């Protein structure tokens, strides 16, 4: 992460699937809204774990009705009802927790089928809160 940047956000999603590409489609707008945040579109199969420090993840999550923070513990507890949309990401996060019990990424889940403007507003609010807490 660049020293001038406050946080790093990993964006996951399949740009070819309408049900999974909203986080990826929002990247240009998010970069413009948060110029001091590093946004990276990533493939869960290419991530080295465990990551340390503040790691924010933005991904589509099944079972949500609004943009919400989801913990690795919630993914583990509700594997059938609430899972990161991409099976590989869920598996990766659970493995990261097993390798390092202190592993605690901030997972911002985006529900499927929600209007882009509402999602952008909610993501903006959530990331603004993270940045405000980081500055304290």
Protein backbone atom coordinates (compact mmCIF):
# COMPACT_ATOMS: atom_id res chain seq x y z
CA UNK A 1 0.00 0.00 0.00
CA UNK A 2 1.27 3.46 -0.92
CA UNK A 3 2.24 5.50 2.16
CA UNK A 4 -0.07 8.30 0.98
CA UNK A 5 -3.01 5.91 0.84
CA UNK A 6 -4.97 5.24 3.98
CA UNK A 7 -6.43 1.82 3.20
CA UNK A 8 -6.41 -0.88 0.56
CA UNK A 9 -9.62 -2.37 -0.81
CA UNK A 10 -9.68 -5.66 -2.71
CA UNK A 11 -12.60 -5.92 -5.13
CA UNK A 12 -13.81 -9.37 -6.11
CA UNK A 13 -16.35 -10.32 -8.71
CA UNK A 14 -16.75 -11.75 -12.14
CA UNK A 15 -17.12 -8.90 -14.65
CA UNK A 16 -18.89 -11.28 -17.06
CA UNK A 17 -21.71 -12.23 -14.65
CA UNK A 18 -24.44 -9.66 -14.06
CA UNK A 19 -25.20 -11.20 -10.65
CA UNK A 20 -21.56 -10.80 -9.55
CA UNK A 21 -20.10 -7.77 -11.31
CA UNK A 22 -21.50 -4.74 -9.48
CA UNK A 23 -18.47 -4.28 -7.17
CA UNK A 24 -16.15 -4.41 -10.22
CA UNK A 25 -18.33 -1.97 -12.18
CA UNK A 26 -18.18 0.54 -9.31
CA UNK A 27 -14.36 0.69 -9.17
CA UNK A 28 -13.95 3.79 -11.41
CA UNK A 29 -16.52 5.74 -9.36
CA UNK A 30 -14.99 4.57 -6.08
CA UNK A 31 -11.50 5.61 -7.20
CA UNK A 32 -12.81 9.06 -8.09
CA UNK A 33 -14.71 9.40 -4.79
CA UNK A 34 -11.80 8.09 -2.66
CA UNK A 35 -8.52 9.16 -4.31
CA UNK A 36 -6.46 8.22 -1.22
CA UNK A 37 -7.75 4.65 -1.16
CA UNK A 38 -6.08 1.92 -3.22
CA UNK A 39 -8.67 -0.20 -5.03
CA UNK A 40 -7.51 -3.49 -6.56
CA UNK A 41 -9.66 -5.83 -8.63
CA UNK A 42 -8.33 -9.22 -7.58
CA UNK A 43 -8.75 -12.91 -8.22
CA UNK A 44 -9.15 -14.98 -5.03
CA UNK A 45 -6.99 -17.70 -6.56
CA UNK A 46 -4.03 -15.31 -6.68
CA UNK A 47 -4.09 -13.90 -3.14
CA UNK A 48 -1.37 -14.77 -0.64
CA UNK A 49 -2.63 -15.36 2.88
CA UNK A 50 -2.74 -14.48 5.58
CA UNK A 51 -2.79 -10.73 4.93
CA UNK A 52 -1.99 -8.49 7.84
CA UNK A 53 -3.07 -4.98 8.67
CA UNK A 54 -6.23 -3.29 7.47
CA UNK A 55 -7.60 -5.27 4.57
CA UNK A 56 -11.01 -4.31 3.26
CA UNK A 57 -12.80 -6.64 0.85
CA UNK A 58 -15.71 -5.66 -1.38
CA UNK A 59 -17.64 -8.54 -2.92
CA UNK A 60 -21.12 -9.72 -3.79
CA UNK A 61 -22.56 -11.77 -0.93
CA UNK A 62 -25.63 -13.97 -1.25
CA UNK A 63 -28.24 -13.73 1.47
CA UNK A 64 -27.94 -10.00 2.16
CA UNK A 65 -30.72 -7.47 1.60
CA UNK A 66 -28.46 -4.41 1.95
CA UNK A 67 -24.76 -3.51 1.90
CA UNK A 68 -23.39 -4.94 5.17
CA UNK A 69 -20.17 -5.77 6.96
CA UNK A 70 -19.66 -9.54 7.17
CA UNK A 71 -17.05 -11.30 9.30
CA UNK A 72 -15.13 -14.45 8.48
CA UNK A 73 -16.86 -16.00 11.50
CA UNK A 74 -20.26 -15.27 9.94
CA UNK A 75 -19.16 -16.93 6.73
CA UNK A 76 -18.07 -19.99 8.70
CA UNK A 77 -21.23 -20.09 10.87
CA UNK A 78 -23.69 -19.63 8.05
CA UNK A 79 -21.89 -21.33 5.20
CA UNK A 80 -25.17 -22.28 3.51
CA UNK A 81 -27.19 -19.14 4.22
CA UNK A 82 -24.57 -16.39 4.01
CA UNK A 83 -21.49 -17.01 1.92
CA UNK A 84 -19.21 -14.84 -0.15
CA UNK A 85 -20.63 -15.24 -3.65
CA UNK A 86 -17.42 -16.63 -5.06
CA UNK A 87 -16.81 -20.03 -3.47
CA UNK A 88 -13.07 -19.58 -3.89
CA UNK A 89 -13.10 -16.37 -1.84
CA UNK A 90 -15.09 -18.01 0.97
CA UNK A 91 -12.66 -20.91 1.05
CA UNK A 92 -9.70 -18.55 1.00
CA UNK A 93 -11.05 -16.48 3.89
CA UNK A 94 -11.77 -19.54 6.01
CA UNK A 95 -8.28 -20.88 5.29
CA UNK A 96 -6.76 -17.52 6.24
CA UNK A 97 -8.60 -17.66 9.58
CA UNK A 98 -7.39 -21.19 10.17
CA UNK A 99 -3.77 -20.21 9.42
CA UNK A 100 -3.93 -17.12 11.61
CA UNK A 101 -6.70 -16.80 14.21
CA UNK A 102 -6.11 -13.03 14.31
CA UNK A 103 -6.90 -12.76 10.58
CA UNK A 104 -9.83 -10.33 10.39
CA UNK A 105 -10.43 -8.67 7.05
CA UNK A 106 -13.27 -6.18 6.85
CA UNK A 107 -15.67 -7.72 4.34
CA UNK A 108 -18.19 -5.32 2.86
CA UNK A 109 -20.88 -7.44 1.29
CA UNK A 110 -22.92 -6.20 -1.65
CA UNK A 111 -26.28 -7.92 -2.12
CA UNK A 112 -27.33 -9.31 -5.46
CA UNK A 113 -30.03 -7.52 -7.42
CA UNK A 114 -29.82 -4.13 -5.67
CA UNK A 115 -29.86 -0.86 -7.64
CA UNK A 116 -26.37 0.50 -8.40
CA UNK A 117 -26.99 3.99 -7.00
CA UNK A 118 -28.20 2.66 -3.65
CA UNK A 119 -25.22 0.32 -3.44
CA UNK A 120 -22.77 3.11 -4.31
CA UNK A 121 -24.27 5.36 -1.64
CA UNK A 122 -24.07 2.62 1.01
CA UNK A 123 -20.51 1.63 0.06
CA UNK A 124 -19.46 5.28 0.14
CA UNK A 125 -20.92 5.66 3.62
CA UNK A 126 -19.25 2.47 4.90
CA UNK A 127 -15.82 3.33 3.45
CA UNK A 128 -16.08 6.90 4.78
CA UNK A 129 -16.61 5.43 8.26
CA UNK A 130 -13.54 3.18 7.87
CA UNK A 131 -11.44 6.17 6.79
CA UNK A 132 -12.71 8.29 9.67
CA UNK A 133 -11.81 5.55 12.17
CA UNK A 134 -8.39 5.16 10.55
CA UNK A 135 -7.63 8.87 11.00
CA UNK A 136 -8.33 8.73 14.75
